[in-house]
Amino acid sequence: MNSQWYKNQSDKEARKKELLSYLNAFDALTELLQEETLPRTEYDCPSWSHKQADTNGYNRAIRHVKSLISFKDS
């Protein structure tokens, strides 16, 4: 479980129990996010580098959210 979930929490065990109760929702969200990753940009457009940068940022954000909601080591 990512330590960011415990940041500024006085009762870490209660927080962990609360988060684990959302596990089914997190799993469903992970499945949805799997489908949201964007493919690489086509390079036939003059502004391909801007589109590629946007795609890379979007995919990075999706990976970050997926890492936050992954509790495999719990």
C-alpha atoms as a PDB file:
ATOM      1  CA  MET A   1       0.000   0.000   0.000  1.00  0.00           C
ATOM      2  CA  ASN A   2       1.369   3.381  -0.986  1.00  0.00           C
ATOM      3  CA  SER A   3       2.558   5.387   2.013  1.00  0.00           C
ATOM      4  CA  GLN A   4       0.801   8.500   0.724  1.00  0.00           C
ATOM      5  CA  TRP A   5      -2.445   7.024   2.049  1.00  0.00           C
ATOM      6  CA  TYR A   6      -1.075   7.326   5.602  1.00  0.00           C
ATOM      7  CA  LYS A   7       0.308  10.840   5.323  1.00  0.00           C
ATOM      8  CA  ASN A   8      -0.906  12.964   8.250  1.00  0.00           C
ATOM      9  CA  GLN A   9      -2.950  10.069   9.688  1.00  0.00           C
ATOM     10  CA  SER A  10      -2.838   9.393  13.416  1.00  0.00           C
ATOM     11  CA  ASP A  11      -4.365   5.881  13.244  1.00  0.00           C
ATOM     12  CA  LYS A  12      -2.683   4.099  10.358  1.00  0.00           C
ATOM     13  CA  GLU A  13      -4.327   0.737  11.029  1.00  0.00           C
ATOM     14  CA  ALA A  14      -7.814   2.249  10.921  1.00  0.00           C
ATOM     15  CA  ARG A  15      -6.907   4.011   7.678  1.00  0.00           C
ATOM     16  CA  LYS A  16      -5.626   0.752   6.168  1.00  0.00           C
ATOM     17  CA  LYS A  17      -8.832  -1.064   7.170  1.00  0.00           C
ATOM     18  CA  GLU A  18     -10.914   1.722   5.632  1.00  0.00           C
ATOM     19  CA  LEU A  19      -8.968   1.623   2.355  1.00  0.00           C
ATOM     20  CA  LEU A  20      -9.133  -2.150   2.105  1.00  0.00           C
ATOM     21  CA  SER A  21     -12.917  -1.908   2.384  1.00  0.00           C
ATOM     22  CA  TYR A  22     -12.811  -0.037  -0.934  1.00  0.00           C
ATOM     23  CA  LEU A  23     -10.796  -2.759  -2.645  1.00  0.00           C
ATOM     24  CA  ASN A  24     -13.593  -3.846  -4.995  1.00  0.00           C
ATOM     25  CA  ALA A  25     -14.089  -0.267  -6.184  1.00  0.00           C
ATOM     26  CA  PHE A  26     -10.344   0.188  -6.656  1.00  0.00           C
ATOM     27  CA  ASP A  27     -10.175  -3.033  -8.685  1.00  0.00           C
ATOM     28  CA  ALA A  28     -13.044  -1.871 -10.902  1.00  0.00           C
ATOM     29  CA  LEU A  29     -11.354   1.497 -11.376  1.00  0.00           C
ATOM     30  CA  THR A  30      -8.095  -0.234 -12.304  1.00  0.00           C
ATOM     31  CA  GLU A  31      -9.933  -2.170 -15.021  1.00  0.00           C
ATOM     32  CA  LEU A  32     -11.394   1.051 -16.388  1.00  0.00           C
ATOM     33  CA  LEU A  33      -8.014   2.756 -16.351  1.00  0.00           C
ATOM     34  CA  GLN A  34      -6.469  -0.152 -18.268  1.00  0.00           C
ATOM     35  CA  GLU A  35      -8.675   0.824 -21.196  1.00  0.00           C
ATOM     36  CA  GLU A  36      -7.893   4.545 -20.878  1.00  0.00           C
ATOM     37  CA  THR A  37      -4.187   4.436 -21.736  1.00  0.00           C
ATOM     38  CA  LEU A  38      -3.706   6.338 -24.971  1.00  0.00           C
ATOM     39  CA  PRO A  39      -1.733   4.921 -27.896  1.00  0.00           C
ATOM     40  CA  ARG A  40       1.319   6.695 -29.233  1.00  0.00           C
ATOM     41  CA  THR A  41       0.686   9.677 -31.477  1.00  0.00           C
ATOM     42  CA  GLU A  42       0.906   9.461 -35.225  1.00  0.00           C
ATOM     43  CA  TYR A  43       3.934  11.323 -36.524  1.00  0.00           C
ATOM     44  CA  ASP A  44       2.362  12.615 -39.759  1.00  0.00           C
ATOM     45  CA  CYS A  45       1.037  15.778 -38.087  1.00  0.00           C
ATOM     46  CA  PRO A  46       3.170  18.957 -37.873  1.00  0.00           C
ATOM     47  CA  SER A  47       2.406  19.290 -34.144  1.00  0.00           C
ATOM     48  CA  TRP A  48       3.091  15.625 -33.395  1.00  0.00           C
ATOM     49  CA  SER A  49       5.588  16.489 -30.638  1.00  0.00           C
ATOM     50  CA  HIS A  50       2.944  18.433 -28.685  1.00  0.00           C
ATOM     51  CA  LYS A  51       0.433  15.642 -29.084  1.00  0.00           C
ATOM     52  CA  GLN A  52       3.039  13.095 -28.018  1.00  0.00           C
ATOM     53  CA  ALA A  53       3.934  15.138 -24.931  1.00  0.00           C
ATOM     54  CA  ASP A  54       0.250  15.345 -24.003  1.00  0.00           C
ATOM     55  CA  THR A  55      -0.186  11.606 -24.513  1.00  0.00           C
ATOM     56  CA  ASN A  56       2.874  10.859 -22.394  1.00  0.00           C
ATOM     57  CA  GLY A  57       1.607  13.092 -19.571  1.00  0.00           C
ATOM     58  CA  TYR A  58      -1.844  11.531 -19.703  1.00  0.00           C
ATOM     59  CA  ASN A  59      -0.436   8.010 -19.586  1.00  0.00           C
ATOM     60  CA  ARG A  60       1.922   8.970 -16.741  1.00  0.00           C
ATOM     61  CA  ALA A  61      -1.036  10.279 -14.710  1.00  0.00           C
ATOM     62  CA  ILE A  62      -2.974   7.048 -15.334  1.00  0.00           C
ATOM     63  CA  ARG A  63       0.020   4.980 -14.189  1.00  0.00           C
ATOM     64  CA  HIS A  64       0.304   7.119 -11.048  1.00  0.00           C
ATOM     65  CA  VAL A  65      -3.360   6.646 -10.135  1.00  0.00           C
ATOM     66  CA  LYS A  66      -3.063   2.911 -10.771  1.00  0.00           C
ATOM     67  CA  SER A  67      -0.020   2.727  -8.488  1.00  0.00           C
ATOM     68  CA  LEU A  68      -1.948   4.521  -5.725  1.00  0.00           C
ATOM     69  CA  ILE A  69      -4.900   2.126  -5.860  1.00  0.00           C
ATOM     70  CA  SER A  70      -2.839  -1.052  -6.161  1.00  0.00           C
ATOM     71  CA  PHE A  71      -2.670  -2.871  -2.838  1.00  0.00           C
ATOM     72  CA  LYS A  72      -0.976  -6.057  -4.028  1.00  0.00           C
ATOM     73  CA  ASP A  73       1.494  -6.085  -1.142  1.00  0.00           C
ATOM     74  CA  SER A  74      -1.235  -5.640   1.490  1.00  0.00           C
END
